[in-house]
PDB file of N, CA and C in Angstrom:
ATOM      1  N   UNK A   1     248.360  72.178 234.017  1.00  0.00           N
ATOM      2  CA  UNK A   1     247.039  73.083 233.418  1.00  0.00           C
ATOM      3  C   UNK A   1     246.109  73.841 234.330  1.00  0.00           C
ATOM      4  N   UNK A   2     245.961  75.204 234.290  1.00  0.00           N
ATOM      5  CA  UNK A   2     244.858  75.360 235.223  1.00  0.00           C
ATOM      6  C   UNK A   2     243.525  75.572 234.849  1.00  0.00           C
ATOM      7  N   UNK A   3     242.538  76.084 235.722  1.00  0.00           N
ATOM      8  CA  UNK A   3     240.901  75.164 235.040  1.00  0.00           C
ATOM      9  C   UNK A   3     241.057  76.606 234.199  1.00  0.00           C
ATOM     10  N   UNK A   4     241.221  77.582 234.001  1.00  0.00           N
ATOM     11  CA  UNK A   4     241.246  78.577 233.001  1.00  0.00           C
ATOM     12  C   UNK A   4     241.771  77.897 231.795  1.00  0.00           C
ATOM     13  N   UNK A   5     242.346  77.002 231.713  1.00  0.00           N
ATOM     14  CA  UNK A   5     242.872  76.712 229.958  1.00  0.00           C
ATOM     15  C   UNK A   5     242.450  75.966 229.871  1.00  0.00           C
ATOM     16  N   UNK A   6     241.046  75.053 231.072  1.00  0.00           N
ATOM     17  CA  UNK A   6     240.060  73.937 230.073  1.00  0.00           C
ATOM     18  C   UNK A   6     238.981  74.759 230.325  1.00  0.00           C
ATOM     19  N   UNK A   7     237.813  74.071 228.832  1.00  0.00           N
ATOM     20  CA  UNK A   7     237.281  74.713 229.021  1.00  0.00           C
ATOM     21  C   UNK A   7     235.968  73.086 228.542  1.00  0.00           C
ATOM     22  N   UNK A   8     234.618  73.277 228.929  1.00  0.00           N
ATOM     23  CA  UNK A   8     233.440  72.558 228.595  1.00  0.00           C
ATOM     24  C   UNK A   8     232.592  72.646 227.593  1.00  0.00           C
ATOM     25  N   UNK A   9     232.254  72.204 226.426  1.00  0.00           N
ATOM     26  CA  UNK A   9     231.300  72.337 225.726  1.00  0.00           C
ATOM     27  C   UNK A   9     230.499  71.192 225.671  1.00  0.00           C
ATOM     28  N   UNK A  10     229.144  71.601 225.342  1.00  0.00           N
ATOM     29  CA  UNK A  10     228.317  70.773 225.231  1.00  0.00           C
ATOM     30  C   UNK A  10     228.656  70.081 223.888  1.00  0.00           C
ATOM     31  N   UNK A  11     228.330  68.376 224.264  1.00  0.00           N
ATOM     32  CA  UNK A  11     229.087  67.391 223.247  1.00  0.00           C
ATOM     33  C   UNK A  11     228.146  67.364 221.492  1.00  0.00           C
ATOM     34  N   UNK A  12     227.332  68.145 222.061  1.00  0.00           N
ATOM     35  CA  UNK A  12     226.469  68.845 220.308  1.00  0.00           C
ATOM     36  C   UNK A  12     226.820  69.839 219.576  1.00  0.00           C
ATOM     37  N   UNK A  13     227.860  70.724 220.776  1.00  0.00           N
ATOM     38  CA  UNK A  13     228.756  71.886 219.569  1.00  0.00           C
ATOM     39  C   UNK A  13     229.915  71.353 218.739  1.00  0.00           C
ATOM     40  N   UNK A  14     230.502  71.012 219.974  1.00  0.00           N
ATOM     41  CA  UNK A  14     231.891  69.882 219.252  1.00  0.00           C
ATOM     42  C   UNK A  14     231.625  69.325 218.368  1.00  0.00           C
ATOM     43  N   UNK A  15     230.820  68.660 218.140  1.00  0.00           N
ATOM     44  CA  UNK A  15     230.103  67.381 216.703  1.00  0.00           C
ATOM     45  C   UNK A  15     229.760  68.215 215.903  1.00  0.00           C
ATOM     46  N   UNK A  16     228.837  69.493 216.184  1.00  0.00           N
ATOM     47  CA  UNK A  16     228.302  70.393 214.781  1.00  0.00           C
ATOM     48  C   UNK A  16     229.668  70.570 214.452  1.00  0.00           C
ATOM     49  N   UNK A  17     230.721  71.750 215.299  1.00  0.00           N
ATOM     50  CA  UNK A  17     231.874  71.815 215.016  1.00  0.00           C
ATOM     51  C   UNK A  17     232.412  71.033 214.187  1.00  0.00           C
ATOM     52  N   UNK A  18     232.778  69.697 214.165  1.00  0.00           N
ATOM     53  CA  UNK A  18     233.547  68.795 213.456  1.00  0.00           C
ATOM     54  C   UNK A  18     232.852  68.380 212.640  1.00  0.00           C
ATOM     55  N   UNK A  19     231.828  68.422 212.169  1.00  0.00           N
ATOM     56  CA  UNK A  19     230.957  68.137 211.512  1.00  0.00           C
ATOM     57  C   UNK A  19     231.440  69.046 209.865  1.00  0.00           C
ATOM     58  N   UNK A  20     230.566  70.059 210.636  1.00  0.00           N
ATOM     59  CA  UNK A  20     230.942  71.169 209.524  1.00  0.00           C
ATOM     60  C   UNK A  20     232.101  71.604 209.143  1.00  0.00           C
ATOM     61  N   UNK A  21     233.314  71.476 209.880  1.00  0.00           N
ATOM     62  CA  UNK A  21     234.746  71.336 209.454  1.00  0.00           C
ATOM     63  C   UNK A  21     234.889  70.144 208.359  1.00  0.00           C
ATOM     64  N   UNK A  22     234.413  68.832 208.591  1.00  0.00           N
ATOM     65  CA  UNK A  22     234.547  68.037 207.390  1.00  0.00           C
ATOM     66  C   UNK A  22     234.346  68.353 206.360  1.00  0.00           C
ATOM     67  N   UNK A  23     232.498  68.512 206.906  1.00  0.00           N
ATOM     68  CA  UNK A  23     231.664  69.450 204.931  1.00  0.00           C
ATOM     69  C   UNK A  23     232.455  70.075 204.277  1.00  0.00           C
ATOM     70  N   UNK A  24     233.086  71.549 205.109  1.00  0.00           N
ATOM     71  CA  UNK A  24     233.606  72.485 204.577  1.00  0.00           C
ATOM     72  C   UNK A  24     234.698  71.532 203.782  1.00  0.00           C
ATOM     73  N   UNK A  25     235.299  70.730 204.189  1.00  0.00           N
ATOM     74  CA  UNK A  25     236.949  70.628 203.587  1.00  0.00           C
ATOM     75  C   UNK A  25     236.741  69.378 202.181  1.00  0.00           C
ATOM     76  N   UNK A  26     235.470  69.274 203.070  1.00  0.00           N
ATOM     77  CA  UNK A  26     234.948  68.070 201.548  1.00  0.00           C
ATOM     78  C   UNK A  26     234.392  69.072 199.909  1.00  0.00           C
ATOM     79  N   UNK A  27     233.648  69.717 200.140  1.00  0.00           N
ATOM     80  CA  UNK A  27     233.329  70.649 199.591  1.00  0.00           C
ATOM     81  C   UNK A  27     234.575  71.338 198.797  1.00  0.00           C
ATOM     82  N   UNK A  28     235.423  71.571 199.518  1.00  0.00           N
ATOM     83  CA  UNK A  28     236.965  72.940 199.125  1.00  0.00           C
ATOM     84  C   UNK A  28     237.675  71.395 198.074  1.00  0.00           C
ATOM     85  N   UNK A  29     237.662  70.312 198.463  1.00  0.00           N
ATOM     86  CA  UNK A  29     238.638  69.513 198.069  1.00  0.00           C
ATOM     87  C   UNK A  29     238.120  69.076 196.458  1.00  0.00           C
ATOM     88  N   UNK A  30     236.665  68.714 196.782  1.00  0.00           N
ATOM     89  CA  UNK A  30     235.678  68.339 195.550  1.00  0.00           C
ATOM     90  C   UNK A  30     236.007  69.449 194.446  1.00  0.00           C
ATOM     91  N   UNK A  31     235.717  70.672 194.960  1.00  0.00           N
ATOM     92  CA  UNK A  31     236.297  71.990 194.002  1.00  0.00           C
ATOM     93  C   UNK A  31     237.319  72.079 193.537  1.00  0.00           C
ATOM     94  N   UNK A  32     238.358  71.855 194.314  1.00  0.00           N
ATOM     95  CA  UNK A  32     239.636  72.756 193.885  1.00  0.00           C
ATOM     96  C   UNK A  32     240.327  71.240 193.092  1.00  0.00           C
ATOM     97  N   UNK A  33     239.673  69.954 193.417  1.00  0.00           N
ATOM     98  CA  UNK A  33     240.326  68.182 193.225  1.00  0.00           C
ATOM     99  C   UNK A  33     241.719  68.078 193.970  1.00  0.00           C
ATOM    100  N   UNK A  34     241.720  68.939 194.470  1.00  0.00           N
ATOM    101  CA  UNK A  34     242.947  68.487 195.920  1.00  0.00           C
ATOM    102  C   UNK A  34     242.578  67.333 196.984  1.00  0.00           C
ATOM    103  N   UNK A  35     243.321  66.842 197.178  1.00  0.00           N
ATOM    104  CA  UNK A  35     242.654  65.613 198.620  1.00  0.00           C
ATOM    105  C   UNK A  35     241.942  66.169 199.573  1.00  0.00           C
ATOM    106  N   UNK A  36     241.391  65.245 200.024  1.00  0.00           N
ATOM    107  CA  UNK A  36     240.795  66.029 202.046  1.00  0.00           C
ATOM    108  C   UNK A  36     242.202  66.018 202.677  1.00  0.00           C
ATOM    109  N   UNK A  37     242.822  64.960 202.593  1.00  0.00           N
ATOM    110  CA  UNK A  37     244.016  64.410 203.399  1.00  0.00           C
ATOM    111  C   UNK A  37     244.781  66.052 203.155  1.00  0.00           C
ATOM    112  N   UNK A  38     245.039  66.385 202.280  1.00  0.00           N
ATOM    113  CA  UNK A  38     245.951  67.674 201.774  1.00  0.00           C
ATOM    114  C   UNK A  38     245.039  69.129 202.088  1.00  0.00           C
ATOM    115  N   UNK A  39     243.779  69.097 202.092  1.00  0.00           N
ATOM    116  CA  UNK A  39     242.824  70.658 202.980  1.00  0.00           C
ATOM    117  C   UNK A  39     243.384  70.182 204.198  1.00  0.00           C
ATOM    118  N   UNK A  40     243.566  68.873 204.625  1.00  0.00           N
ATOM    119  CA  UNK A  40     243.119  69.010 206.302  1.00  0.00           C
ATOM    120  C   UNK A  40     244.487  69.206 206.434  1.00  0.00           C
ATOM    121  N   UNK A  41     245.355  68.881 206.128  1.00  0.00           N
ATOM    122  CA  UNK A  41     246.854  69.249 206.236  1.00  0.00           C
ATOM    123  C   UNK A  41     246.772  70.788 205.944  1.00  0.00           C
ATOM    124  N   UNK A  42     246.833  71.550 204.926  1.00  0.00           N
ATOM    125  CA  UNK A  42     246.990  72.953 204.743  1.00  0.00           C
ATOM    126  C   UNK A  42     245.752  73.670 205.973  1.00  0.00           C
ATOM    127  N   UNK A  43     244.668  73.543 205.993  1.00  0.00           N
ATOM    128  CA  UNK A  43     243.848  74.339 207.071  1.00  0.00           C
ATOM    129  C   UNK A  43     244.531  73.956 208.353  1.00  0.00           C
ATOM    130  N   UNK A  44     244.699  73.088 208.722  1.00  0.00           N
ATOM    131  CA  UNK A  44     245.766  72.651 209.987  1.00  0.00           C
ATOM    132  C   UNK A  44     247.294  73.832 210.268  1.00  0.00           C
ATOM    133  N   UNK A  45     247.650  73.874 209.731  1.00  0.00           N
ATOM    134  CA  UNK A  45     249.160  74.693 209.459  1.00  0.00           C
ATOM    135  C   UNK A  45     248.300  76.847 209.434  1.00  0.00           C
ATOM    136  N   UNK A  46     247.752  76.407 208.740  1.00  0.00           N
ATOM    137  CA  UNK A  46     246.718  77.796 208.701  1.00  0.00           C
ATOM    138  C   UNK A  46     246.408  77.613 210.265  1.00  0.00           C
ATOM    139  N   UNK A  47     245.399  77.596 210.767  1.00  0.00           N
ATOM    140  CA  UNK A  47     244.529  77.384 211.864  1.00  0.00           C
ATOM    141  C   UNK A  47     245.842  77.531 212.681  1.00  0.00           C
ATOM    142  N   UNK A  48     247.127  76.769 212.812  1.00  0.00           N
ATOM    143  CA  UNK A  48     248.218  76.567 214.129  1.00  0.00           C
ATOM    144  C   UNK A  48     248.403  78.075 214.035  1.00  0.00           C
ATOM    145  N   UNK A  49     249.102  78.556 213.126  1.00  0.00           N
ATOM    146  CA  UNK A  49     249.649  79.659 213.090  1.00  0.00           C
ATOM    147  C   UNK A  49     248.794  80.726 213.307  1.00  0.00           C
ATOM    148  N   UNK A  50     246.813  80.812 213.329  1.00  0.00           N
ATOM    149  CA  UNK A  50     246.211  82.354 213.361  1.00  0.00           C
ATOM    150  C   UNK A  50     245.964  81.814 214.988  1.00  0.00           C
ATOM    151  N   UNK A  51     246.145  80.951 215.225  1.00  0.00           N
ATOM    152  CA  UNK A  51     246.202  80.441 216.761  1.00  0.00           C
ATOM    153  C   UNK A  51     247.235  81.210 217.283  1.00  0.00           C
ATOM    154  N   UNK A  52     248.339  80.934 216.990  1.00  0.00           N
ATOM    155  CA  UNK A  52     249.223  81.473 217.466  1.00  0.00           C
ATOM    156  C   UNK A  52     249.566  83.020 217.577  1.00  0.00           C
ATOM    157  N   UNK A  53     248.979  83.513 217.114  1.00  0.00           N
ATOM    158  CA  UNK A  53     248.257  85.106 216.730  1.00  0.00           C
ATOM    159  C   UNK A  53     247.607  85.442 217.200  1.00  0.00           C
ATOM    160  N   UNK A  54     246.556  84.707 218.067  1.00  0.00           N
ATOM    161  CA  UNK A  54     245.474  85.331 219.543  1.00  0.00           C
ATOM    162  C   UNK A  54     246.022  85.897 220.433  1.00  0.00           C
ATOM    163  N   UNK A  55     245.194  86.919 221.043  1.00  0.00           N
ATOM    164  CA  UNK A  55     245.303  87.415 222.186  1.00  0.00           C
ATOM    165  C   UNK A  55     245.186  86.588 223.175  1.00  0.00           C
ATOM    166  N   UNK A  56     245.142  86.733 224.339  1.00  0.00           N
ATOM    167  CA  UNK A  56     244.475  85.851 225.358  1.00  0.00           C
ATOM    168  C   UNK A  56     242.526  86.461 225.378  1.00  0.00           C
ATOM    169  N   UNK A  57     242.343  88.109 224.843  1.00  0.00           N
ATOM    170  CA  UNK A  57     241.150  88.539 225.179  1.00  0.00           C
ATOM    171  C   UNK A  57     240.370  87.935 223.757  1.00  0.00           C
ATOM    172  N   UNK A  58     241.281  87.481 222.787  1.00  0.00           N
ATOM    173  CA  UNK A  58     240.581  87.265 221.583  1.00  0.00           C
ATOM    174  C   UNK A  58     240.170  85.141 222.348  1.00  0.00           C
ATOM    175  N   UNK A  59     241.510  84.902 222.291  1.00  0.00           N
ATOM    176  CA  UNK A  59     240.926  83.695 222.757  1.00  0.00           C
ATOM    177  C   UNK A  59     239.200  83.247 223.712  1.00  0.00           C
ATOM    178  N   UNK A  60     239.306  84.466 224.395  1.00  0.00           N
ATOM    179  CA  UNK A  60     238.456  84.243 225.739  1.00  0.00           C
ATOM    180  C   UNK A  60     236.628  84.449 224.795  1.00  0.00           C
ATOM    181  N   UNK A  61     237.066  85.892 223.775  1.00  0.00           N
ATOM    182  CA  UNK A  61     236.062  85.945 222.796  1.00  0.00           C
ATOM    183  C   UNK A  61     235.269  84.644 222.305  1.00  0.00           C
ATOM    184  N   UNK A  62     235.910  83.709 221.941  1.00  0.00           N
ATOM    185  CA  UNK A  62     236.198  82.825 220.882  1.00  0.00           C
ATOM    186  C   UNK A  62     235.330  81.514 221.737  1.00  0.00           C
ATOM    187  N   UNK A  63     235.720  81.274 223.083  1.00  0.00           N
ATOM    188  CA  UNK A  63     235.478  80.712 223.715  1.00  0.00           C
ATOM    189  C   UNK A  63     233.885  81.176 224.313  1.00  0.00           C
ATOM    190  N   UNK A  64     233.843  81.766 224.647  1.00  0.00           N
ATOM    191  CA  UNK A  64     231.996  82.550 224.769  1.00  0.00           C
ATOM    192  C   UNK A  64     231.275  82.660 223.945  1.00  0.00           C
ATOM    193  N   UNK A  65     231.719  82.346 222.713  1.00  0.00           N
ATOM    194  CA  UNK A  65     230.852  82.353 221.815  1.00  0.00           C
ATOM    195  C   UNK A  65     231.141  81.008 221.623  1.00  0.00           C
ATOM    196  N   UNK A  66     231.587  80.128 221.383  1.00  0.00           N
ATOM    197  CA  UNK A  66     230.949  79.177 221.235  1.00  0.00           C
ATOM    198  C   UNK A  66     230.298  78.402 222.431  1.00  0.00           C
ATOM    199  N   UNK A  67     230.860  78.560 223.839  1.00  0.00           N
ATOM    200  CA  UNK A  67     229.662  78.406 224.609  1.00  0.00           C
ATOM    201  C   UNK A  67     228.237  78.919 224.455  1.00  0.00           C
ATOM    202  N   UNK A  68     228.061  80.083 223.864  1.00  0.00           N
ATOM    203  CA  UNK A  68     226.733  80.499 224.094  1.00  0.00           C
ATOM    204  C   UNK A  68     225.616  80.010 222.604  1.00  0.00           C
ATOM    205  N   UNK A  69     225.887  78.573 222.131  1.00  0.00           N
ATOM    206  CA  UNK A  69     225.757  77.957 220.922  1.00  0.00           C
ATOM    207  C   UNK A  69     223.975  77.160 221.782  1.00  0.00           C
TER     208      UNK A  69
END
């Protein structure tokens, strides 16, 4: 893996994003009556599909946005 394939984010950005995703999944699960695990899986499938469709340029834009926190 080249250095361009690795990024380093501050710990607080990583933790905040993880907590935000967890909270969003909890709210969706409570609202729909589906399990948290089912929503984690569903969101994971959708995220993987979107990831496969991203251009290299868009990936870099996302990384730049995260680094600007």
